[in-house]
Amino acid sequence: MAFLELNCQRRNAGVTQPVREDAFLIALQLRGANDFDLYADGRAVPPRDFDAGAVAIFDLRMNLTTDLRDPFHAVNFYIPHRALLALGDDGDVPRHIQELRHTVGSTVYDPVVRDLLLAMRPALANPRAASELFIDYLALALSIHLAGSYGNVAQLPRQWGGGLAPWQERRAKELIEANLDGSLTLETLALSCSLSKRHFTRAFRQSTGMAPHQWLQHRRIDRAMQLLAKTAIPLSDIAFECGFADQSHFTRAFSRIAGVTPNAWRRTKLT
């Protein structure tokens, strides 16, 4: 699975080359782009309603080409068919899912897809500031929503709603604490607890009140507060020590959670 933001400001970008893969491409239009020709398996398909905020689903198993005349700007989510099948490993989605229901050349308005893809934009703009847990969380949420809303699944089965066992919660928190740099993946956390990614995410939230990536961010801030209160280490060094991309990223994250900047918070501890 992958996310990509494409932004072309010029007109008449030309004809795209087909990409034949066993995968789907989900595209959120950030600006309207209706002046283009679309061909699916050699057949002309009139594009409809590619307006800002619309979501298009493309089946990359088809031979798709476009002749682009309008400028375009979109956030894309690439999901292999095998990733949809993998959701069935723990019974979340039937193993026989084959399609994401859609009409070639048309769009839908889906606020869940829109909001999840918009939430990904800051990470795409500054990958160094994004944690793997956050990206994994968005990819999982999108996959489950797409399977439930557009796959051949009437309703996702109701899952066990309990939290983590004490040993699982302890193990997950220890792993996060040891990897404040954000390199830890959701898959690694889930495997350490012998759970699927979806079950782990739900159980972790049930036990802690937070998603894994939110817990990671709060632990980073807690560690930063310790350093701010007990040392004279410069903010840039604290940012690095606590896994932030740079001092600016650290200041934004700290202010969002603590309500004040790191410098202001440190001054209150020195008075």
C-alpha atoms as a PDB file:
ATOM      1  CA  MET A   1       0.000   0.000   0.000  1.00  0.00           C
ATOM      2  CA  ALA A   2       1.200   3.502  -0.732  1.00  0.00           C
ATOM      3  CA  PHE A   3       0.126   7.152  -0.655  1.00  0.00           C
ATOM      4  CA  LEU A   4       1.075   9.729  -3.272  1.00  0.00           C
ATOM      5  CA  GLU A   5       0.129  13.355  -3.926  1.00  0.00           C
ATOM      6  CA  LEU A   6       0.241  14.455  -7.567  1.00  0.00           C
ATOM      7  CA  ASN A   7       0.071  18.123  -8.532  1.00  0.00           C
ATOM      8  CA  CYS A   8       0.377  19.242 -12.155  1.00  0.00           C
ATOM      9  CA  GLN A   9      -0.287  22.937 -12.771  1.00  0.00           C
ATOM     10  CA  ARG A  10       0.153  22.972 -16.543  1.00  0.00           C
ATOM     11  CA  ARG A  11      -2.418  22.179 -19.191  1.00  0.00           C
ATOM     12  CA  ASN A  12      -2.083  19.438 -21.784  1.00  0.00           C
ATOM     13  CA  ALA A  13       0.136  17.161 -19.701  1.00  0.00           C
ATOM     14  CA  GLY A  14      -0.290  14.437 -22.310  1.00  0.00           C
ATOM     15  CA  VAL A  15      -1.236  10.775 -22.462  1.00  0.00           C
ATOM     16  CA  THR A  16      -0.499   8.543 -19.490  1.00  0.00           C
ATOM     17  CA  GLN A  17       0.894   5.052 -19.896  1.00  0.00           C
ATOM     18  CA  PRO A  18      -1.208   2.139 -18.606  1.00  0.00           C
ATOM     19  CA  VAL A  19      -0.076   0.431 -15.407  1.00  0.00           C
ATOM     20  CA  ARG A  20      -1.432  -3.114 -15.326  1.00  0.00           C
ATOM     21  CA  GLU A  21      -1.323  -4.364 -11.744  1.00  0.00           C
ATOM     22  CA  ASP A  22      -3.534  -6.436  -9.473  1.00  0.00           C
ATOM     23  CA  ALA A  23      -4.405  -3.374  -7.442  1.00  0.00           C
ATOM     24  CA  PHE A  24      -6.779  -0.443  -7.050  1.00  0.00           C
ATOM     25  CA  LEU A  25      -6.024   3.273  -7.089  1.00  0.00           C
ATOM     26  CA  ILE A  26      -8.179   5.591  -4.985  1.00  0.00           C
ATOM     27  CA  ALA A  27      -7.879   9.252  -6.007  1.00  0.00           C
ATOM     28  CA  LEU A  28      -9.206  12.234  -4.050  1.00  0.00           C
ATOM     29  CA  GLN A  29      -9.519  15.257  -6.333  1.00  0.00           C
ATOM     30  CA  LEU A  30      -8.114  18.381  -4.678  1.00  0.00           C
ATOM     31  CA  ARG A  31      -9.093  20.509  -7.671  1.00  0.00           C
ATOM     32  CA  GLY A  32     -11.607  19.986 -10.435  1.00  0.00           C
ATOM     33  CA  ALA A  33     -10.234  18.355 -13.588  1.00  0.00           C
ATOM     34  CA  ASN A  34     -12.927  17.332 -16.045  1.00  0.00           C
ATOM     35  CA  ASP A  35     -11.239  18.135 -19.358  1.00  0.00           C
ATOM     36  CA  PHE A  36      -9.569  14.822 -20.191  1.00  0.00           C
ATOM     37  CA  ASP A  37     -10.190  11.673 -22.191  1.00  0.00           C
ATOM     38  CA  LEU A  38     -10.302   8.313 -20.436  1.00  0.00           C
ATOM     39  CA  TYR A  39      -9.889   4.927 -22.107  1.00  0.00           C
ATOM     40  CA  ALA A  40     -10.532   1.604 -20.374  1.00  0.00           C
ATOM     41  CA  ASP A  41      -9.378  -1.526 -22.216  1.00  0.00           C
ATOM     42  CA  GLY A  42      -9.360   0.477 -25.454  1.00  0.00           C
ATOM     43  CA  ARG A  43     -12.886   1.850 -24.973  1.00  0.00           C
ATOM     44  CA  ALA A  44     -13.535   5.580 -24.598  1.00  0.00           C
ATOM     45  CA  VAL A  45     -15.250   6.345 -21.291  1.00  0.00           C
ATOM     46  CA  PRO A  46     -16.676   9.841 -20.712  1.00  0.00           C
ATOM     47  CA  PRO A  47     -15.350  11.155 -17.359  1.00  0.00           C
ATOM     48  CA  ARG A  48     -18.028  12.513 -15.032  1.00  0.00           C
ATOM     49  CA  ASP A  49     -17.877  14.788 -11.994  1.00  0.00           C
ATOM     50  CA  PHE A  50     -14.136  14.884 -11.359  1.00  0.00           C
ATOM     51  CA  ASP A  51     -14.704  17.931  -9.174  1.00  0.00           C
ATOM     52  CA  ALA A  52     -12.785  19.024  -6.092  1.00  0.00           C
ATOM     53  CA  GLY A  53     -13.641  16.702  -3.202  1.00  0.00           C
ATOM     54  CA  ALA A  54     -14.735  13.812  -5.417  1.00  0.00           C
ATOM     55  CA  VAL A  55     -13.227  10.331  -5.060  1.00  0.00           C
ATOM     56  CA  ALA A  56     -12.456   8.084  -8.030  1.00  0.00           C
ATOM     57  CA  ILE A  57     -11.725   4.349  -7.907  1.00  0.00           C
ATOM     58  CA  PHE A  58      -9.564   2.843 -10.645  1.00  0.00           C
ATOM     59  CA  ASP A  59      -9.081  -0.888 -11.156  1.00  0.00           C
ATOM     60  CA  LEU A  60      -5.488  -1.168 -12.355  1.00  0.00           C
ATOM     61  CA  ARG A  61      -6.157  -4.635 -13.759  1.00  0.00           C
ATOM     62  CA  MET A  62      -7.803  -2.759 -16.623  1.00  0.00           C
ATOM     63  CA  ASN A  63      -5.805  -1.130 -19.399  1.00  0.00           C
ATOM     64  CA  LEU A  64      -6.357   2.502 -18.363  1.00  0.00           C
ATOM     65  CA  THR A  65      -5.000   5.533 -20.212  1.00  0.00           C
ATOM     66  CA  THR A  66      -5.864   9.215 -19.975  1.00  0.00           C
ATOM     67  CA  ASP A  67      -5.209  12.214 -22.191  1.00  0.00           C
ATOM     68  CA  LEU A  68      -4.916  15.041 -19.678  1.00  0.00           C
ATOM     69  CA  ARG A  69      -5.773  18.602 -20.697  1.00  0.00           C
ATOM     70  CA  ASP A  70      -6.802  20.206 -17.396  1.00  0.00           C
ATOM     71  CA  PRO A  71      -4.271  20.795 -14.623  1.00  0.00           C
ATOM     72  CA  PHE A  72      -4.858  18.299 -11.827  1.00  0.00           C
ATOM     73  CA  HIS A  73      -4.130  17.857  -8.127  1.00  0.00           C
ATOM     74  CA  ALA A  74      -4.998  14.650  -6.282  1.00  0.00           C
ATOM     75  CA  VAL A  75      -4.047  12.524  -3.295  1.00  0.00           C
ATOM     76  CA  ASN A  76      -3.857   8.849  -4.260  1.00  0.00           C
ATOM     77  CA  PHE A  77      -4.002   5.628  -2.259  1.00  0.00           C
ATOM     78  CA  TYR A  78      -2.630   2.499  -3.924  1.00  0.00           C
ATOM     79  CA  ILE A  79      -3.953  -0.771  -2.485  1.00  0.00           C
ATOM     80  CA  PRO A  80      -2.993  -4.176  -3.931  1.00  0.00           C
ATOM     81  CA  HIS A  81      -5.742  -6.765  -4.162  1.00  0.00           C
ATOM     82  CA  ARG A  82      -3.728  -9.006  -1.829  1.00  0.00           C
ATOM     83  CA  ALA A  83      -3.962  -6.330   0.872  1.00  0.00           C
ATOM     84  CA  LEU A  84      -7.761  -6.560   0.737  1.00  0.00           C
ATOM     85  CA  LEU A  85      -7.537 -10.341   0.939  1.00  0.00           C
ATOM     86  CA  ALA A  86      -5.222 -10.058   3.939  1.00  0.00           C
ATOM     87  CA  LEU A  87      -8.016  -8.388   5.889  1.00  0.00           C
ATOM     88  CA  GLY A  88      -9.707 -11.789   5.805  1.00  0.00           C
ATOM     89  CA  ASP A  89      -6.930 -13.512   7.720  1.00  0.00           C
ATOM     90  CA  ASP A  90      -8.785 -12.867  10.968  1.00  0.00           C
ATOM     91  CA  GLY A  91     -12.291 -12.909   9.522  1.00  0.00           C
ATOM     92  CA  ASP A  92     -12.682  -9.166   9.021  1.00  0.00           C
ATOM     93  CA  VAL A  93     -13.428  -9.503   5.299  1.00  0.00           C
ATOM     94  CA  PRO A  94     -14.395 -12.638   3.310  1.00  0.00           C
ATOM     95  CA  ARG A  95     -11.432 -14.115   1.492  1.00  0.00           C
ATOM     96  CA  HIS A  96     -13.252 -14.099  -1.847  1.00  0.00           C
ATOM     97  CA  ILE A  97     -13.455 -10.309  -2.170  1.00  0.00           C
ATOM     98  CA  GLN A  98     -12.586  -9.531  -5.782  1.00  0.00           C
ATOM     99  CA  GLU A  99     -13.821  -6.040  -6.534  1.00  0.00           C
ATOM    100  CA  LEU A 100     -14.248  -2.567  -5.212  1.00  0.00           C
ATOM    101  CA  ARG A 101     -17.595  -1.572  -6.680  1.00  0.00           C
ATOM    102  CA  HIS A 102     -17.313   1.464  -8.913  1.00  0.00           C
ATOM    103  CA  THR A 103     -18.304   2.852 -12.287  1.00  0.00           C
ATOM    104  CA  VAL A 104     -15.371   3.518 -14.598  1.00  0.00           C
ATOM    105  CA  GLY A 105     -15.122   7.232 -15.314  1.00  0.00           C
ATOM    106  CA  SER A 106     -17.389   8.290 -12.446  1.00  0.00           C
ATOM    107  CA  THR A 107     -16.720   9.533  -8.935  1.00  0.00           C
ATOM    108  CA  VAL A 108     -18.344   9.355  -5.521  1.00  0.00           C
ATOM    109  CA  TYR A 109     -18.440  11.720  -2.571  1.00  0.00           C
ATOM    110  CA  ASP A 110     -17.155   9.806   0.436  1.00  0.00           C
ATOM    111  CA  PRO A 111     -16.336  11.947   3.496  1.00  0.00           C
ATOM    112  CA  VAL A 112     -14.455   9.102   5.213  1.00  0.00           C
ATOM    113  CA  VAL A 113     -12.069   8.594   2.292  1.00  0.00           C
ATOM    114  CA  ARG A 114     -11.756  12.361   1.877  1.00  0.00           C
ATOM    115  CA  ASP A 115     -10.862  13.000   5.521  1.00  0.00           C
ATOM    116  CA  LEU A 116      -8.398  10.100   5.765  1.00  0.00           C
ATOM    117  CA  LEU A 117      -6.566  11.145   2.604  1.00  0.00           C
ATOM    118  CA  LEU A 118      -6.509  14.786   3.679  1.00  0.00           C
ATOM    119  CA  ALA A 119      -5.039  13.667   7.016  1.00  0.00           C
ATOM    120  CA  MET A 120      -2.198  12.058   5.068  1.00  0.00           C
ATOM    121  CA  ARG A 121      -1.152  15.263   3.283  1.00  0.00           C
ATOM    122  CA  PRO A 122       1.121  16.671   6.038  1.00  0.00           C
ATOM    123  CA  ALA A 123       3.014  13.362   6.134  1.00  0.00           C
ATOM    124  CA  LEU A 124       3.456  13.461   2.359  1.00  0.00           C
ATOM    125  CA  ALA A 125       4.689  17.047   2.526  1.00  0.00           C
ATOM    126  CA  ASN A 126       7.186  16.260   5.307  1.00  0.00           C
ATOM    127  CA  PRO A 127       7.896  12.500   5.436  1.00  0.00           C
ATOM    128  CA  ARG A 128      10.603  12.914   8.088  1.00  0.00           C
ATOM    129  CA  ALA A 129       8.016  14.224  10.535  1.00  0.00           C
ATOM    130  CA  ALA A 130       5.591  11.319  10.011  1.00  0.00           C
ATOM    131  CA  SER A 131       5.646   8.184  12.146  1.00  0.00           C
ATOM    132  CA  GLU A 132       5.227   4.754  10.588  1.00  0.00           C
ATOM    133  CA  LEU A 133       2.471   4.037  13.118  1.00  0.00           C
ATOM    134  CA  PHE A 134       0.420   6.985  11.879  1.00  0.00           C
ATOM    135  CA  ILE A 135       0.818   6.004   8.222  1.00  0.00           C
ATOM    136  CA  ASP A 136      -0.035   2.364   8.978  1.00  0.00           C
ATOM    137  CA  TYR A 137      -3.080   3.485  10.949  1.00  0.00           C
ATOM    138  CA  LEU A 138      -4.430   5.545   8.049  1.00  0.00           C
ATOM    139  CA  ALA A 139      -3.757   2.759   5.529  1.00  0.00           C
ATOM    140  CA  LEU A 140      -5.570   0.208   7.700  1.00  0.00           C
ATOM    141  CA  ALA A 141      -8.541   2.510   8.296  1.00  0.00           C
ATOM    142  CA  LEU A 142      -8.842   3.228   4.564  1.00  0.00           C
ATOM    143  CA  SER A 143      -8.567  -0.448   3.628  1.00  0.00           C
ATOM    144  CA  ILE A 144     -11.288  -1.511   6.051  1.00  0.00           C
ATOM    145  CA  HIS A 145     -13.589   1.309   4.952  1.00  0.00           C
ATOM    146  CA  LEU A 146     -13.086   0.532   1.255  1.00  0.00           C
ATOM    147  CA  ALA A 147     -13.703  -3.181   1.783  1.00  0.00           C
ATOM    148  CA  GLY A 148     -16.848  -2.530   3.788  1.00  0.00           C
ATOM    149  CA  SER A 149     -18.263   0.222   1.571  1.00  0.00           C
ATOM    150  CA  TYR A 150     -17.254  -0.911  -1.923  1.00  0.00           C
ATOM    151  CA  GLY A 151     -16.211  -4.560  -1.622  1.00  0.00           C
ATOM    152  CA  ASN A 152     -18.526  -7.538  -1.953  1.00  0.00           C
ATOM    153  CA  VAL A 153     -19.151  -7.407   1.790  1.00  0.00           C
ATOM    154  CA  ALA A 154     -22.608  -6.529   3.052  1.00  0.00           C
ATOM    155  CA  GLN A 155     -21.406  -5.762   6.564  1.00  0.00           C
ATOM    156  CA  LEU A 156     -18.141  -6.382   8.372  1.00  0.00           C
ATOM    157  CA  PRO A 157     -18.570  -8.977  11.126  1.00  0.00           C
ATOM    158  CA  ARG A 158     -18.795  -7.710  14.662  1.00  0.00           C
ATOM    159  CA  GLN A 159     -15.450  -8.288  16.328  1.00  0.00           C
ATOM    160  CA  TRP A 160     -14.406  -9.036  19.869  1.00  0.00           C
ATOM    161  CA  GLY A 161     -14.487  -5.720  21.689  1.00  0.00           C
ATOM    162  CA  GLY A 162     -12.143  -6.336  24.637  1.00  0.00           C
ATOM    163  CA  GLY A 163      -8.861  -4.614  25.325  1.00  0.00           C
ATOM    164  CA  LEU A 164      -5.369  -6.029  25.404  1.00  0.00           C
ATOM    165  CA  ALA A 165      -4.346  -8.627  27.937  1.00  0.00           C
ATOM    166  CA  PRO A 166      -1.975  -7.192  30.577  1.00  0.00           C
ATOM    167  CA  TRP A 167       1.057  -8.828  28.965  1.00  0.00           C
ATOM    168  CA  GLN A 168       0.055  -7.507  25.537  1.00  0.00           C
ATOM    169  CA  GLU A 169      -0.426  -3.959  26.788  1.00  0.00           C
ATOM    170  CA  ARG A 170       2.901  -4.079  28.632  1.00  0.00           C
ATOM    171  CA  ARG A 171       4.708  -5.455  25.572  1.00  0.00           C
ATOM    172  CA  ALA A 172       3.208  -2.867  23.207  1.00  0.00           C
ATOM    173  CA  LYS A 173       4.065   0.039  25.501  1.00  0.00           C
ATOM    174  CA  GLU A 174       7.626  -1.242  25.965  1.00  0.00           C
ATOM    175  CA  LEU A 175       8.103  -1.450  22.201  1.00  0.00           C
ATOM    176  CA  ILE A 176       6.779   2.059  21.664  1.00  0.00           C
ATOM    177  CA  GLU A 177       8.978   3.407  24.467  1.00  0.00           C
ATOM    178  CA  ALA A 178      12.036   1.800  22.892  1.00  0.00           C
ATOM    179  CA  ASN A 179      11.224   3.252  19.465  1.00  0.00           C
ATOM    180  CA  LEU A 180      10.299   6.890  20.021  1.00  0.00           C
ATOM    181  CA  ASP A 181      11.894   7.714  16.661  1.00  0.00           C
ATOM    182  CA  GLY A 182       8.674   6.489  15.021  1.00  0.00           C
ATOM    183  CA  SER A 183      10.271   3.688  13.003  1.00  0.00           C
ATOM    184  CA  LEU A 184       8.062   1.080  14.674  1.00  0.00           C
ATOM    185  CA  THR A 185       5.323  -0.296  12.418  1.00  0.00           C
ATOM    186  CA  LEU A 186       1.786  -1.306  13.294  1.00  0.00           C
ATOM    187  CA  GLU A 187       2.521  -4.780  11.955  1.00  0.00           C
ATOM    188  CA  THR A 188       5.446  -5.233  14.367  1.00  0.00           C
ATOM    189  CA  LEU A 189       3.313  -4.140  17.319  1.00  0.00           C
ATOM    190  CA  ALA A 190       0.448  -6.421  16.324  1.00  0.00           C
ATOM    191  CA  LEU A 191       2.738  -9.423  15.824  1.00  0.00           C
ATOM    192  CA  SER A 192       4.324  -8.860  19.227  1.00  0.00           C
ATOM    193  CA  CYS A 193       0.848  -9.315  20.726  1.00  0.00           C
ATOM    194  CA  SER A 194      -0.139 -12.209  18.412  1.00  0.00           C
ATOM    195  CA  LEU A 195      -2.998 -10.181  16.933  1.00  0.00           C
ATOM    196  CA  SER A 196      -3.990  -8.891  13.527  1.00  0.00           C
ATOM    197  CA  LYS A 197      -3.356  -5.213  12.892  1.00  0.00           C
ATOM    198  CA  ARG A 198      -7.050  -4.424  13.064  1.00  0.00           C
ATOM    199  CA  HIS A 199      -7.640  -6.326  16.310  1.00  0.00           C
ATOM    200  CA  PHE A 200      -4.527  -4.853  17.889  1.00  0.00           C
ATOM    201  CA  THR A 201      -5.479  -1.278  16.984  1.00  0.00           C
ATOM    202  CA  ARG A 202      -8.980  -1.696  18.380  1.00  0.00           C
ATOM    203  CA  ALA A 203      -7.797  -3.456  21.555  1.00  0.00           C
ATOM    204  CA  PHE A 204      -5.024  -0.907  22.168  1.00  0.00           C
ATOM    205  CA  ARG A 205      -7.516   1.947  21.960  1.00  0.00           C
ATOM    206  CA  GLN A 206      -9.871   0.052  24.272  1.00  0.00           C
ATOM    207  CA  SER A 207      -7.087  -0.361  26.849  1.00  0.00           C
ATOM    208  CA  THR A 208      -5.433   3.060  26.630  1.00  0.00           C
ATOM    209  CA  GLY A 209      -8.039   5.401  25.169  1.00  0.00           C
ATOM    210  CA  MET A 210      -5.667   6.251  22.315  1.00  0.00           C
ATOM    211  CA  ALA A 211      -4.633   4.894  18.940  1.00  0.00           C
ATOM    212  CA  PRO A 212      -1.035   3.572  18.887  1.00  0.00           C
ATOM    213  CA  HIS A 213       0.307   6.598  17.004  1.00  0.00           C
ATOM    214  CA  GLN A 214      -1.342   8.943  19.519  1.00  0.00           C
ATOM    215  CA  TRP A 215       0.238   7.043  22.406  1.00  0.00           C
ATOM    216  CA  LEU A 216       3.612   7.352  20.692  1.00  0.00           C
ATOM    217  CA  GLN A 217       3.195  11.119  20.339  1.00  0.00           C
ATOM    218  CA  HIS A 218       2.246  11.540  23.997  1.00  0.00           C
ATOM    219  CA  ARG A 219       5.203   9.438  25.137  1.00  0.00           C
ATOM    220  CA  ARG A 220       7.500  11.625  23.050  1.00  0.00           C
ATOM    221  CA  ILE A 221       6.100  14.718  24.721  1.00  0.00           C
ATOM    222  CA  ASP A 222       6.385  13.141  28.197  1.00  0.00           C
ATOM    223  CA  ARG A 223      10.039  12.342  27.516  1.00  0.00           C
ATOM    224  CA  ALA A 224      10.615  15.880  26.246  1.00  0.00           C
ATOM    225  CA  MET A 225       9.045  17.322  29.403  1.00  0.00           C
ATOM    226  CA  GLN A 226      11.452  15.317  31.541  1.00  0.00           C
ATOM    227  CA  LEU A 227      14.410  16.693  29.602  1.00  0.00           C
ATOM    228  CA  LEU A 228      13.052  20.244  29.649  1.00  0.00           C
ATOM    229  CA  ALA A 229      12.496  20.158  33.406  1.00  0.00           C
ATOM    230  CA  LYS A 230      15.715  18.446  34.473  1.00  0.00           C
ATOM    231  CA  THR A 231      18.335  19.543  31.941  1.00  0.00           C
ATOM    232  CA  ALA A 232      19.538  22.570  30.013  1.00  0.00           C
ATOM    233  CA  ILE A 233      19.746  20.634  26.751  1.00  0.00           C
ATOM    234  CA  PRO A 234      18.927  22.840  23.706  1.00  0.00           C
ATOM    235  CA  LEU A 235      15.523  22.330  22.105  1.00  0.00           C
ATOM    236  CA  SER A 236      17.082  21.060  18.891  1.00  0.00           C
ATOM    237  CA  ASP A 237      18.828  18.258  20.802  1.00  0.00           C
ATOM    238  CA  ILE A 238      15.665  17.389  22.721  1.00  0.00           C
ATOM    239  CA  ALA A 239      13.780  17.205  19.424  1.00  0.00           C
ATOM    240  CA  PHE A 240      16.310  14.699  18.094  1.00  0.00           C
ATOM    241  CA  GLU A 241      16.385  12.721  21.365  1.00  0.00           C
ATOM    242  CA  CYS A 242      12.594  12.344  21.363  1.00  0.00           C
ATOM    243  CA  GLY A 243      12.224  11.297  17.736  1.00  0.00           C
ATOM    244  CA  PHE A 244      11.010  14.515  16.121  1.00  0.00           C
ATOM    245  CA  ALA A 245      12.135  15.475  12.632  1.00  0.00           C
ATOM    246  CA  ASP A 246      13.453  18.870  13.750  1.00  0.00           C
ATOM    247  CA  GLN A 247      12.910  21.623  16.313  1.00  0.00           C
ATOM    248  CA  SER A 248       9.977  23.083  14.378  1.00  0.00           C
ATOM    249  CA  HIS A 249       8.195  19.728  14.292  1.00  0.00           C
ATOM    250  CA  PHE A 250       8.878  19.306  18.027  1.00  0.00           C
ATOM    251  CA  THR A 251       7.512  22.768  18.849  1.00  0.00           C
ATOM    252  CA  ARG A 252       4.291  22.200  16.888  1.00  0.00           C
ATOM    253  CA  ALA A 253       3.648  18.790  18.454  1.00  0.00           C
ATOM    254  CA  PHE A 254       4.494  19.989  21.971  1.00  0.00           C
ATOM    255  CA  SER A 255       2.279  23.075  21.679  1.00  0.00           C
ATOM    256  CA  ARG A 256      -0.628  21.008  20.398  1.00  0.00           C
ATOM    257  CA  ILE A 257      -0.538  18.677  23.414  1.00  0.00           C
ATOM    258  CA  ALA A 258       0.785  20.931  26.206  1.00  0.00           C
ATOM    259  CA  GLY A 259      -0.916  24.142  25.098  1.00  0.00           C
ATOM    260  CA  VAL A 260       2.332  26.146  25.289  1.00  0.00           C
ATOM    261  CA  THR A 261       5.673  26.118  23.488  1.00  0.00           C
ATOM    262  CA  PRO A 262       8.563  24.060  24.901  1.00  0.00           C
ATOM    263  CA  ASN A 263      10.433  27.234  25.907  1.00  0.00           C
ATOM    264  CA  ALA A 264       7.411  28.615  27.743  1.00  0.00           C
ATOM    265  CA  TRP A 265       6.839  25.291  29.500  1.00  0.00           C
ATOM    266  CA  ARG A 266      10.502  25.096  30.531  1.00  0.00           C
ATOM    267  CA  ARG A 267      10.359  28.609  32.011  1.00  0.00           C
ATOM    268  CA  THR A 268       7.456  27.597  34.275  1.00  0.00           C
ATOM    269  CA  LYS A 269       9.599  24.803  35.698  1.00  0.00           C
ATOM    270  CA  LEU A 270      12.529  27.124  36.380  1.00  0.00           C
ATOM    271  CA  THR A 271      10.555  29.731  38.329  1.00  0.00           C
END
